[in-house]
C-alpha atoms as a PDB file:
ATOM      1  CA  MET A   1     -32.278   4.356  57.683  1.00  0.00           C
ATOM      2  CA  THR A   2     -36.022   3.881  58.848  1.00  0.00           C
ATOM      3  CA  VAL A   3     -39.035   4.261  56.770  1.00  0.00           C
ATOM      4  CA  ASN A   4     -40.951   7.589  57.349  1.00  0.00           C
ATOM      5  CA  PRO A   5     -44.558   6.455  58.776  1.00  0.00           C
ATOM      6  CA  LEU A   6     -46.156   9.058  56.342  1.00  0.00           C
ATOM      7  CA  PHE A   7     -44.805   7.171  53.570  1.00  0.00           C
ATOM      8  CA  SER A   8     -46.202   3.824  54.712  1.00  0.00           C
ATOM      9  CA  VAL A   9     -49.682   5.554  54.998  1.00  0.00           C
ATOM     10  CA  ILE A  10     -49.367   6.747  51.445  1.00  0.00           C
ATOM     11  CA  GLU A  11     -48.205   3.478  50.352  1.00  0.00           C
ATOM     12  CA  MET A  12     -51.502   1.819  51.806  1.00  0.00           C
ATOM     13  CA  SER A  13     -53.690   4.552  50.448  1.00  0.00           C
ATOM     14  CA  MET A  14     -52.156   3.853  46.946  1.00  0.00           C
ATOM     15  CA  PHE A  15     -52.675   0.293  47.373  1.00  0.00           C
ATOM     16  CA  ARG A  16     -56.388   0.337  48.221  1.00  0.00           C
ATOM     17  CA  LYS A  17     -57.114   2.831  45.499  1.00  0.00           C
ATOM     18  CA  VAL A  18     -55.471   0.431  43.040  1.00  0.00           C
ATOM     19  CA  THR A  19     -57.312  -2.647  44.074  1.00  0.00           C
ATOM     20  CA  ARG A  20     -60.513  -0.799  43.964  1.00  0.00           C
ATOM     21  CA  CYS A  21     -60.057   0.482  40.370  1.00  0.00           C
ATOM     22  CA  LEU A  22     -58.639  -2.777  39.077  1.00  0.00           C
ATOM     23  CA  PRO A  23     -61.460  -4.595  37.925  1.00  0.00           C
ATOM     24  CA  LEU A  24     -63.094  -1.611  36.505  1.00  0.00           C
ATOM     25  CA  GLY A  25     -59.945  -0.692  34.752  1.00  0.00           C
ATOM     26  CA  LEU A  26     -59.469  -4.371  33.394  1.00  0.00           C
ATOM     27  CA  ALA A  27     -63.236  -4.173  32.057  1.00  0.00           C
ATOM     28  CA  CYS A  28     -62.609  -1.019  30.141  1.00  0.00           C
ATOM     29  CA  MET A  29     -59.273  -1.755  28.684  1.00  0.00           C
ATOM     30  CA  THR A  30     -60.949  -5.239  27.406  1.00  0.00           C
ATOM     31  CA  ALA A  31     -63.801  -3.462  25.992  1.00  0.00           C
ATOM     32  CA  CYS A  32     -61.566  -1.176  24.107  1.00  0.00           C
ATOM     33  CA  ALA A  33     -59.238  -3.696  22.889  1.00  0.00           C
ATOM     34  CA  THR A  34     -62.337  -5.703  21.551  1.00  0.00           C
ATOM     35  CA  ALA A  35     -63.708  -2.631  19.815  1.00  0.00           C
ATOM     36  CA  ASN A  36     -60.335  -1.941  18.079  1.00  0.00           C
ATOM     37  CA  ARG A  37     -59.423  -5.454  17.000  1.00  0.00           C
ATOM     38  CA  LEU A  38     -60.872  -5.176  13.469  1.00  0.00           C
ATOM     39  CA  ALA A  39     -58.873  -1.825  12.745  1.00  0.00           C
ATOM     40  CA  SER A  40     -55.450  -3.575  13.962  1.00  0.00           C
ATOM     41  CA  PRO A  41     -53.648  -6.048  11.905  1.00  0.00           C
ATOM     42  CA  ALA A  42     -51.854  -8.826  14.141  1.00  0.00           C
ATOM     43  CA  PRO A  43     -48.201  -8.403  13.931  1.00  0.00           C
ATOM     44  CA  ALA A  44     -45.881 -11.273  15.236  1.00  0.00           C
ATOM     45  CA  LEU A  45     -46.209 -12.046  18.858  1.00  0.00           C
ATOM     46  CA  ALA A  46     -43.431 -10.243  21.071  1.00  0.00           C
ATOM     47  CA  ALA A  47     -43.141 -11.681  24.563  1.00  0.00           C
ATOM     48  CA  ASP A  48     -41.283 -10.054  27.561  1.00  0.00           C
ATOM     49  CA  ARG A  49     -40.311 -13.564  28.652  1.00  0.00           C
ATOM     50  CA  PRO A  50     -38.201 -15.764  28.903  1.00  0.00           C
ATOM     51  CA  ASP A  51     -34.957 -13.414  29.304  1.00  0.00           C
ATOM     52  CA  PHE A  52     -34.607 -10.818  32.069  1.00  0.00           C
ATOM     53  CA  THR A  53     -34.523  -8.212  29.482  1.00  0.00           C
ATOM     54  CA  GLU A  54     -37.686  -6.284  28.720  1.00  0.00           C
ATOM     55  CA  SER A  55     -38.353  -5.402  25.007  1.00  0.00           C
ATOM     56  CA  THR A  56     -39.228  -2.045  23.656  1.00  0.00           C
ATOM     57  CA  GLU A  57     -42.437  -3.586  22.104  1.00  0.00           C
ATOM     58  CA  THR A  58     -45.912  -2.727  23.335  1.00  0.00           C
ATOM     59  CA  ILE A  59     -49.127  -4.642  22.958  1.00  0.00           C
ATOM     60  CA  PRO A  60     -51.012  -3.138  19.767  1.00  0.00           C
ATOM     61  CA  PRO A  61     -54.578  -1.969  20.156  1.00  0.00           C
ATOM     62  CA  GLY A  62     -57.135  -4.725  19.729  1.00  0.00           C
ATOM     63  CA  PHE A  63     -55.421  -7.324  21.465  1.00  0.00           C
ATOM     64  CA  ILE A  64     -54.591  -8.642  25.184  1.00  0.00           C
ATOM     65  CA  GLN A  65     -51.527 -10.839  26.045  1.00  0.00           C
ATOM     66  CA  ALA A  66     -50.860 -13.141  28.777  1.00  0.00           C
ATOM     67  CA  GLU A  67     -47.551 -14.695  29.793  1.00  0.00           C
ATOM     68  CA  ALA A  68     -46.765 -17.131  32.237  1.00  0.00           C
ATOM     69  CA  GLY A  69     -44.189 -19.758  33.486  1.00  0.00           C
ATOM     70  CA  TYR A  70     -42.263 -21.817  36.016  1.00  0.00           C
ATOM     71  CA  THR A  71     -38.513 -21.334  37.361  1.00  0.00           C
ATOM     72  CA  PHE A  72     -36.549 -23.645  39.591  1.00  0.00           C
ATOM     73  CA  SER A  73     -33.506 -22.130  41.016  1.00  0.00           C
ATOM     74  CA  SER A  74     -30.625 -23.128  43.052  1.00  0.00           C
ATOM     75  CA  GLU A  75     -28.231 -20.875  44.992  1.00  0.00           C
ATOM     76  CA  GLU A  76     -25.770 -21.905  47.811  1.00  0.00           C
ATOM     77  CA  GLY A  77     -27.368 -25.117  48.132  1.00  0.00           C
ATOM     78  CA  ASN A  78     -30.876 -23.454  48.859  1.00  0.00           C
ATOM     79  CA  THR A  79     -33.518 -24.106  46.132  1.00  0.00           C
ATOM     80  CA  SER A  80     -36.658 -22.383  45.179  1.00  0.00           C
ATOM     81  CA  HIS A  81     -39.829 -22.874  42.736  1.00  0.00           C
ATOM     82  CA  SER A  82     -41.539 -19.970  41.268  1.00  0.00           C
ATOM     83  CA  ILE A  83     -44.989 -20.998  39.999  1.00  0.00           C
ATOM     84  CA  GLY A  84     -47.290 -18.651  37.851  1.00  0.00           C
ATOM     85  CA  GLU A  85     -45.347 -15.757  36.699  1.00  0.00           C
ATOM     86  CA  LEU A  86     -48.415 -14.379  35.376  1.00  0.00           C
ATOM     87  CA  LEU A  87     -48.031 -11.250  33.455  1.00  0.00           C
ATOM     88  CA  ILE A  88     -51.165  -9.525  31.732  1.00  0.00           C
ATOM     89  CA  ARG A  89     -50.375  -6.873  29.186  1.00  0.00           C
ATOM     90  CA  LEU A  90     -53.222  -4.669  27.815  1.00  0.00           C
ATOM     91  CA  PRO A  91     -53.077  -2.010  25.357  1.00  0.00           C
ATOM     92  CA  ALA A  92     -53.425   1.820  26.689  1.00  0.00           C
ATOM     93  CA  GLY A  93     -53.029   3.499  22.986  1.00  0.00           C
ATOM     94  CA  SER A  94     -50.981   2.766  20.119  1.00  0.00           C
ATOM     95  CA  ARG A  95     -47.518   3.323  22.083  1.00  0.00           C
ATOM     96  CA  ALA A  96     -48.473   2.358  25.593  1.00  0.00           C
ATOM     97  CA  GLU A  97     -49.450  -0.679  27.739  1.00  0.00           C
ATOM     98  CA  ALA A  98     -50.640  -1.434  31.196  1.00  0.00           C
ATOM     99  CA  ARG A  99     -48.905  -4.343  32.997  1.00  0.00           C
ATOM    100  CA  ILE A 100     -50.138  -6.473  35.921  1.00  0.00           C
ATOM    101  CA  GLU A 101     -47.937  -9.196  37.141  1.00  0.00           C
ATOM    102  CA  PHE A 102     -49.837 -11.459  39.528  1.00  0.00           C
ATOM    103  CA  ASN A 103     -48.641 -13.039  42.617  1.00  0.00           C
ATOM    104  CA  SER A 104     -46.446 -16.288  41.837  1.00  0.00           C
ATOM    105  CA  TYR A 105     -46.495 -19.106  44.278  1.00  0.00           C
ATOM    106  CA  SER A 106     -43.157 -19.572  45.710  1.00  0.00           C
ATOM    107  CA  ILE A 107     -41.699 -22.560  47.573  1.00  0.00           C
ATOM    108  CA  GLU A 108     -38.436 -22.060  49.204  1.00  0.00           C
ATOM    109  CA  ASN A 109     -36.054 -24.510  50.871  1.00  0.00           C
ATOM    110  CA  ASN A 110     -33.431 -22.786  52.819  1.00  0.00           C
ATOM    111  CA  ALA A 111     -31.114 -25.181  54.922  1.00  0.00           C
ATOM    112  CA  GLY A 112     -34.086 -27.682  55.113  1.00  0.00           C
ATOM    113  CA  SER A 113     -36.586 -25.046  56.344  1.00  0.00           C
ATOM    114  CA  VAL A 114     -39.195 -24.975  53.608  1.00  0.00           C
ATOM    115  CA  GLN A 115     -41.417 -21.926  53.255  1.00  0.00           C
ATOM    116  CA  ARG A 116     -44.297 -21.402  51.119  1.00  0.00           C
ATOM    117  CA  GLY A 117     -46.562 -18.547  49.932  1.00  0.00           C
ATOM    118  CA  PHE A 118     -47.327 -15.963  47.271  1.00  0.00           C
ATOM    119  CA  GLU A 119     -44.848 -13.348  46.311  1.00  0.00           C
ATOM    120  CA  ASP A 120     -45.962  -9.757  45.803  1.00  0.00           C
ATOM    121  CA  MET A 121     -47.894  -8.644  42.919  1.00  0.00           C
ATOM    122  CA  GLU A 122     -46.607  -5.638  40.342  1.00  0.00           C
ATOM    123  CA  VAL A 123     -48.386  -3.123  38.416  1.00  0.00           C
ATOM    124  CA  GLY A 124     -47.006  -0.763  35.903  1.00  0.00           C
ATOM    125  CA  VAL A 125     -47.028   0.779  32.401  1.00  0.00           C
ATOM    126  CA  LYS A 126     -44.650   0.720  29.487  1.00  0.00           C
ATOM    127  CA  ILE A 127     -44.524   3.602  26.938  1.00  0.00           C
ATOM    128  CA  LYS A 128     -42.736   3.445  23.676  1.00  0.00           C
ATOM    129  CA  LEU A 129     -40.734   6.500  22.976  1.00  0.00           C
ATOM    130  CA  ILE A 130     -38.901   6.140  19.866  1.00  0.00           C
ATOM    131  CA  GLU A 131     -39.459   3.487  17.140  1.00  0.00           C
ATOM    132  CA  HIS A 132     -37.752   3.126  13.978  1.00  0.00           C
ATOM    133  CA  GLU A 133     -39.588   1.770  10.840  1.00  0.00           C
ATOM    134  CA  GLU A 134     -36.434   0.684   9.197  1.00  0.00           C
ATOM    135  CA  ARG A 135     -33.171  -0.706  10.438  1.00  0.00           C
ATOM    136  CA  SER A 136     -31.149   1.989  12.123  1.00  0.00           C
ATOM    137  CA  ALA A 137     -27.962   2.465  14.177  1.00  0.00           C
ATOM    138  CA  LEU A 138     -30.257   4.538  16.744  1.00  0.00           C
ATOM    139  CA  PRO A 139     -32.188   2.315  19.003  1.00  0.00           C
ATOM    140  CA  ASN A 140     -35.886   1.956  19.802  1.00  0.00           C
ATOM    141  CA  VAL A 141     -36.676   3.137  23.079  1.00  0.00           C
ATOM    142  CA  SER A 142     -39.287   2.551  25.702  1.00  0.00           C
ATOM    143  CA  VAL A 143     -39.477   3.381  29.526  1.00  0.00           C
ATOM    144  CA  LEU A 144     -41.199   1.098  32.162  1.00  0.00           C
ATOM    145  CA  VAL A 145     -42.548   2.649  35.426  1.00  0.00           C
ATOM    146  CA  LEU A 146     -43.787  -0.010  37.868  1.00  0.00           C
ATOM    147  CA  SER A 147     -44.036  -0.980  41.487  1.00  0.00           C
ATOM    148  CA  THR A 148     -44.776  -4.086  43.470  1.00  0.00           C
ATOM    149  CA  LEU A 149     -47.615  -4.117  45.889  1.00  0.00           C
ATOM    150  CA  PRO A 150     -47.460  -5.555  49.396  1.00  0.00           C
ATOM    151  CA  THR A 151     -49.706  -8.548  48.860  1.00  0.00           C
ATOM    152  CA  GLY A 152     -47.341 -11.552  49.330  1.00  0.00           C
ATOM    153  CA  HIS A 153     -46.915 -13.888  52.023  1.00  0.00           C
ATOM    154  CA  SER A 154     -44.964 -12.850  55.217  1.00  0.00           C
ATOM    155  CA  GLY A 155     -41.344 -13.743  54.794  1.00  0.00           C
ATOM    156  CA  ILE A 156     -41.610 -13.888  51.033  1.00  0.00           C
ATOM    157  CA  GLY A 157     -43.376 -10.698  50.003  1.00  0.00           C
ATOM    158  CA  SER A 158     -42.586  -7.207  51.313  1.00  0.00           C
ATOM    159  CA  SER A 159     -44.317  -5.189  53.627  1.00  0.00           C
ATOM    160  CA  ALA A 160     -43.851  -2.069  51.411  1.00  0.00           C
ATOM    161  CA  MET A 161     -44.328  -0.939  47.946  1.00  0.00           C
ATOM    162  CA  GLN A 162     -41.015  -1.137  45.794  1.00  0.00           C
ATOM    163  CA  PRO A 163     -41.277   1.345  42.949  1.00  0.00           C
ATOM    164  CA  GLY A 164     -38.765   1.403  40.226  1.00  0.00           C
ATOM    165  CA  ALA A 165     -38.305   2.132  36.408  1.00  0.00           C
ATOM    166  CA  LYS A 166     -36.553   0.620  33.456  1.00  0.00           C
ATOM    167  CA  LEU A 167     -35.144   2.005  30.273  1.00  0.00           C
ATOM    168  CA  ALA A 168     -35.573  -0.365  27.398  1.00  0.00           C
ATOM    169  CA  LEU A 169     -33.358  -0.269  24.154  1.00  0.00           C
ATOM    170  CA  GLY A 170     -33.579  -2.265  20.976  1.00  0.00           C
ATOM    171  CA  TRP A 171     -31.677  -2.636  17.806  1.00  0.00           C
ATOM    172  CA  HIS A 172     -32.659  -4.706  14.718  1.00  0.00           C
ATOM    173  CA  LEU A 173     -29.120  -5.831  13.732  1.00  0.00           C
ATOM    174  CA  SER A 174     -30.157  -7.613  10.606  1.00  0.00           C
ATOM    175  CA  GLU A 175     -33.127  -9.790   9.412  1.00  0.00           C
ATOM    176  CA  LYS A 176     -32.109 -12.523  11.717  1.00  0.00           C
ATOM    177  CA  LEU A 177     -30.203 -10.735  14.544  1.00  0.00           C
ATOM    178  CA  SER A 178     -31.517  -8.423  17.246  1.00  0.00           C
ATOM    179  CA  LEU A 179     -30.003  -6.669  20.364  1.00  0.00           C
ATOM    180  CA  GLU A 180     -31.976  -5.626  23.244  1.00  0.00           C
ATOM    181  CA  SER A 181     -30.721  -3.845  26.521  1.00  0.00           C
ATOM    182  CA  ASN A 182     -32.136  -2.644  29.969  1.00  0.00           C
ATOM    183  CA  ALA A 183     -30.935  -0.137  32.596  1.00  0.00           C
ATOM    184  CA  ASN A 184     -33.161  -0.628  35.614  1.00  0.00           C
ATOM    185  CA  TYR A 185     -33.489   1.233  39.015  1.00  0.00           C
ATOM    186  CA  SER A 186     -35.486  -0.090  42.165  1.00  0.00           C
ATOM    187  CA  TYR A 187     -36.170   1.840  45.273  1.00  0.00           C
ATOM    188  CA  ALA A 188     -36.111  -1.358  47.189  1.00  0.00           C
ATOM    189  CA  GLY A 189     -36.907  -1.878  50.896  1.00  0.00           C
ATOM    190  CA  GLU A 190     -35.776  -4.598  53.281  1.00  0.00           C
ATOM    191  CA  SER A 191     -36.281  -4.984  56.994  1.00  0.00           C
ATOM    192  CA  GLY A 192     -37.805  -1.351  57.111  1.00  0.00           C
ATOM    193  CA  THR A 193     -34.853   0.159  55.335  1.00  0.00           C
ATOM    194  CA  ARG A 194     -35.059   1.637  52.016  1.00  0.00           C
ATOM    195  CA  PHE A 195     -31.877   1.465  49.562  1.00  0.00           C
ATOM    196  CA  SER A 196     -31.189   2.029  45.614  1.00  0.00           C
ATOM    197  CA  GLN A 197     -30.911  -1.028  43.667  1.00  0.00           C
ATOM    198  CA  TRP A 198     -29.494  -1.200  40.176  1.00  0.00           C
ATOM    199  CA  SER A 199     -29.611  -3.875  37.410  1.00  0.00           C
ATOM    200  CA  GLY A 200     -28.767  -3.873  33.671  1.00  0.00           C
ATOM    201  CA  SER A 201     -28.815  -6.643  30.944  1.00  0.00           C
ATOM    202  CA  ALA A 202     -27.927  -7.341  27.282  1.00  0.00           C
ATOM    203  CA  SER A 203     -29.810  -9.959  25.110  1.00  0.00           C
ATOM    204  CA  LEU A 204     -28.681 -10.948  21.615  1.00  0.00           C
ATOM    205  CA  GLY A 205     -31.541 -12.674  19.780  1.00  0.00           C
ATOM    206  CA  VAL A 206     -31.200 -15.081  16.559  1.00  0.00           C
ATOM    207  CA  GLU A 207     -34.017 -16.020  14.394  1.00  0.00           C
ATOM    208  CA  ILE A 208     -33.280 -19.526  13.254  1.00  0.00           C
ATOM    209  CA  THR A 209     -36.512 -20.072  11.417  1.00  0.00           C
ATOM    210  CA  PRO A 210     -39.599 -18.100  11.179  1.00  0.00           C
ATOM    211  CA  ARG A 211     -41.089 -20.111  13.927  1.00  0.00           C
ATOM    212  CA  PHE A 212     -38.077 -20.954  16.310  1.00  0.00           C
ATOM    213  CA  GLY A 213     -35.436 -18.306  17.863  1.00  0.00           C
ATOM    214  CA  SER A 214     -32.975 -18.417  20.563  1.00  0.00           C
ATOM    215  CA  PHE A 215     -31.125 -15.870  22.850  1.00  0.00           C
ATOM    216  CA  ILE A 216     -27.960 -15.428  24.862  1.00  0.00           C
ATOM    217  CA  GLU A 217     -28.035 -13.031  27.659  1.00  0.00           C
ATOM    218  CA  TRP A 218     -26.136 -11.313  30.266  1.00  0.00           C
ATOM    219  CA  PHE A 219     -27.533  -9.519  33.350  1.00  0.00           C
ATOM    220  CA  GLY A 220     -26.449  -8.223  36.826  1.00  0.00           C
ATOM    221  CA  THR A 221     -27.710  -6.698  39.961  1.00  0.00           C
ATOM    222  CA  ASN A 222     -26.175  -4.363  42.491  1.00  0.00           C
ATOM    223  CA  PRO A 223     -26.724  -4.892  45.408  1.00  0.00           C
ATOM    224  CA  VAL A 224     -28.765  -8.067  45.263  1.00  0.00           C
ATOM    225  CA  ALA A 225     -29.953  -7.434  48.772  1.00  0.00           C
ATOM    226  CA  LEU A 226     -29.535  -4.789  51.669  1.00  0.00           C
ATOM    227  CA  GLY A 227     -25.966  -4.898  52.499  1.00  0.00           C
ATOM    228  CA  GLY A 228     -25.220  -7.483  49.956  1.00  0.00           C
ATOM    229  CA  GLY A 229     -22.881  -7.542  46.865  1.00  0.00           C
ATOM    230  CA  ARG A 230     -23.119  -7.875  43.064  1.00  0.00           C
ATOM    231  CA  ALA A 231     -24.515 -10.720  41.213  1.00  0.00           C
ATOM    232  CA  GLU A 232     -23.996 -11.424  37.486  1.00  0.00           C
ATOM    233  CA  TYR A 233     -25.662 -14.086  35.381  1.00  0.00           C
ATOM    234  CA  LEU A 234     -25.546 -15.764  31.820  1.00  0.00           C
ATOM    235  CA  ASN A 235     -28.775 -17.060  30.348  1.00  0.00           C
ATOM    236  CA  VAL A 236     -29.542 -19.005  27.197  1.00  0.00           C
ATOM    237  CA  GLY A 237     -33.080 -19.948  25.921  1.00  0.00           C
ATOM    238  CA  ALA A 238     -35.227 -20.604  22.927  1.00  0.00           C
ATOM    239  CA  GLY A 239     -38.677 -20.073  21.781  1.00  0.00           C
ATOM    240  CA  MET A 240     -41.140 -21.681  19.487  1.00  0.00           C
ATOM    241  CA  GLY A 241     -44.185 -19.854  17.844  1.00  0.00           C
ATOM    242  CA  PHE A 242     -47.197 -21.516  16.741  1.00  0.00           C
ATOM    243  CA  GLY A 243     -49.143 -19.341  14.672  1.00  0.00           C
ATOM    244  CA  SER A 244     -49.207 -15.479  15.429  1.00  0.00           C
ATOM    245  CA  SER A 245     -50.541 -15.743  18.870  1.00  0.00           C
ATOM    246  CA  LEU A 246     -48.945 -18.525  20.851  1.00  0.00           C
ATOM    247  CA  LYS A 247     -45.306 -19.166  21.992  1.00  0.00           C
ATOM    248  CA  LEU A 248     -43.500 -21.622  24.106  1.00  0.00           C
ATOM    249  CA  ASP A 249     -40.123 -20.933  25.660  1.00  0.00           C
ATOM    250  CA  ALA A 250     -37.407 -22.578  27.763  1.00  0.00           C
ATOM    251  CA  ARG A 251     -34.230 -21.121  29.402  1.00  0.00           C
ATOM    252  CA  VAL A 252     -31.204 -21.978  31.530  1.00  0.00           C
ATOM    253  CA  GLY A 253     -28.849 -19.680  33.397  1.00  0.00           C
ATOM    254  CA  THR A 254     -25.875 -19.664  35.933  1.00  0.00           C
ATOM    255  CA  ASN A 255     -24.202 -17.418  38.033  1.00  0.00           C
ATOM    256  CA  THR A 256     -20.882 -16.304  36.566  1.00  0.00           C
ATOM    257  CA  ARG A 257     -19.326 -16.119  39.872  1.00  0.00           C
ATOM    258  CA  SER A 258     -20.458 -19.554  40.978  1.00  0.00           C
ATOM    259  CA  THR A 259     -21.600 -22.103  38.482  1.00  0.00           C
ATOM    260  CA  ARG A 260     -22.908 -24.228  41.186  1.00  0.00           C
ATOM    261  CA  ASP A 261     -25.849 -21.614  41.335  1.00  0.00           C
ATOM    262  CA  TYR A 262     -28.230 -21.978  38.344  1.00  0.00           C
ATOM    263  CA  PHE A 263     -31.924 -21.559  37.152  1.00  0.00           C
ATOM    264  CA  VAL A 264     -34.029 -23.156  34.861  1.00  0.00           C
ATOM    265  CA  GLY A 265     -37.515 -22.418  33.514  1.00  0.00           C
ATOM    266  CA  PHE A 266     -40.202 -22.706  30.830  1.00  0.00           C
ATOM    267  CA  GLY A 267     -43.334 -20.774  30.033  1.00  0.00           C
ATOM    268  CA  VAL A 268     -45.931 -19.763  27.441  1.00  0.00           C
ATOM    269  CA  SER A 269     -47.264 -16.698  25.957  1.00  0.00           C
ATOM    270  CA  LYS A 270     -50.464 -16.015  24.333  1.00  0.00           C
ATOM    271  CA  ARG A 271     -52.399 -13.327  22.660  1.00  0.00           C
ATOM    272  CA  TRP A 272     -56.092 -12.733  21.963  1.00  0.00           C
END
């Protein structure tokens, strides 16, 4: 299936509009965050890294949050480095946030051939639909609507936008335990062909101390690429908080179908 030329024209038009409006939008959201800060108490920092699963939490009014990191991965003898992973989260009301994920720098070594360049950036929103003030058998629910932008290096990024959506669910099982799960869909594109890509995840979090927590997670993608099969991973990690506005994290994971394929990473989250 080839991509309709009209669809490509619409994509480029949307990309130009987004890039023209981005500086003004950032300035407006920053001003609103600063103006509302005194009226918003600071809750504990909730980051969407380092696991694959997105949380149901949104950035409270009056704050801005940045999350960044590094990942090394090895798959079938090929290795890659992802440097940056910078996600900026901006409040867009009491139950929504705007998200800008800037281009990570990628170094890929495939069969001795090294390719370097920036990945595509991604923009989107997260909207909190249901939130339970007390523990409940029913989950907290948020939705994410997002899309990549064709801003990456040739051979690393995509030549077309890749829109998608995520349904995020979260349960507070006890004072120390939490469970989060995602169901994701992406209208992916590869070599000029569009295809549906599905993924899902479940992450069990444990608060060991008020400052230190860990998690174990399963996630899978089907298909991993055009004409490819399914991939499933197990991922474990931990995070250490410093006050209410800084958190460091680390993780390690492996392909459940090939333990020779693995990834490791670390990162930081900061709120202002």
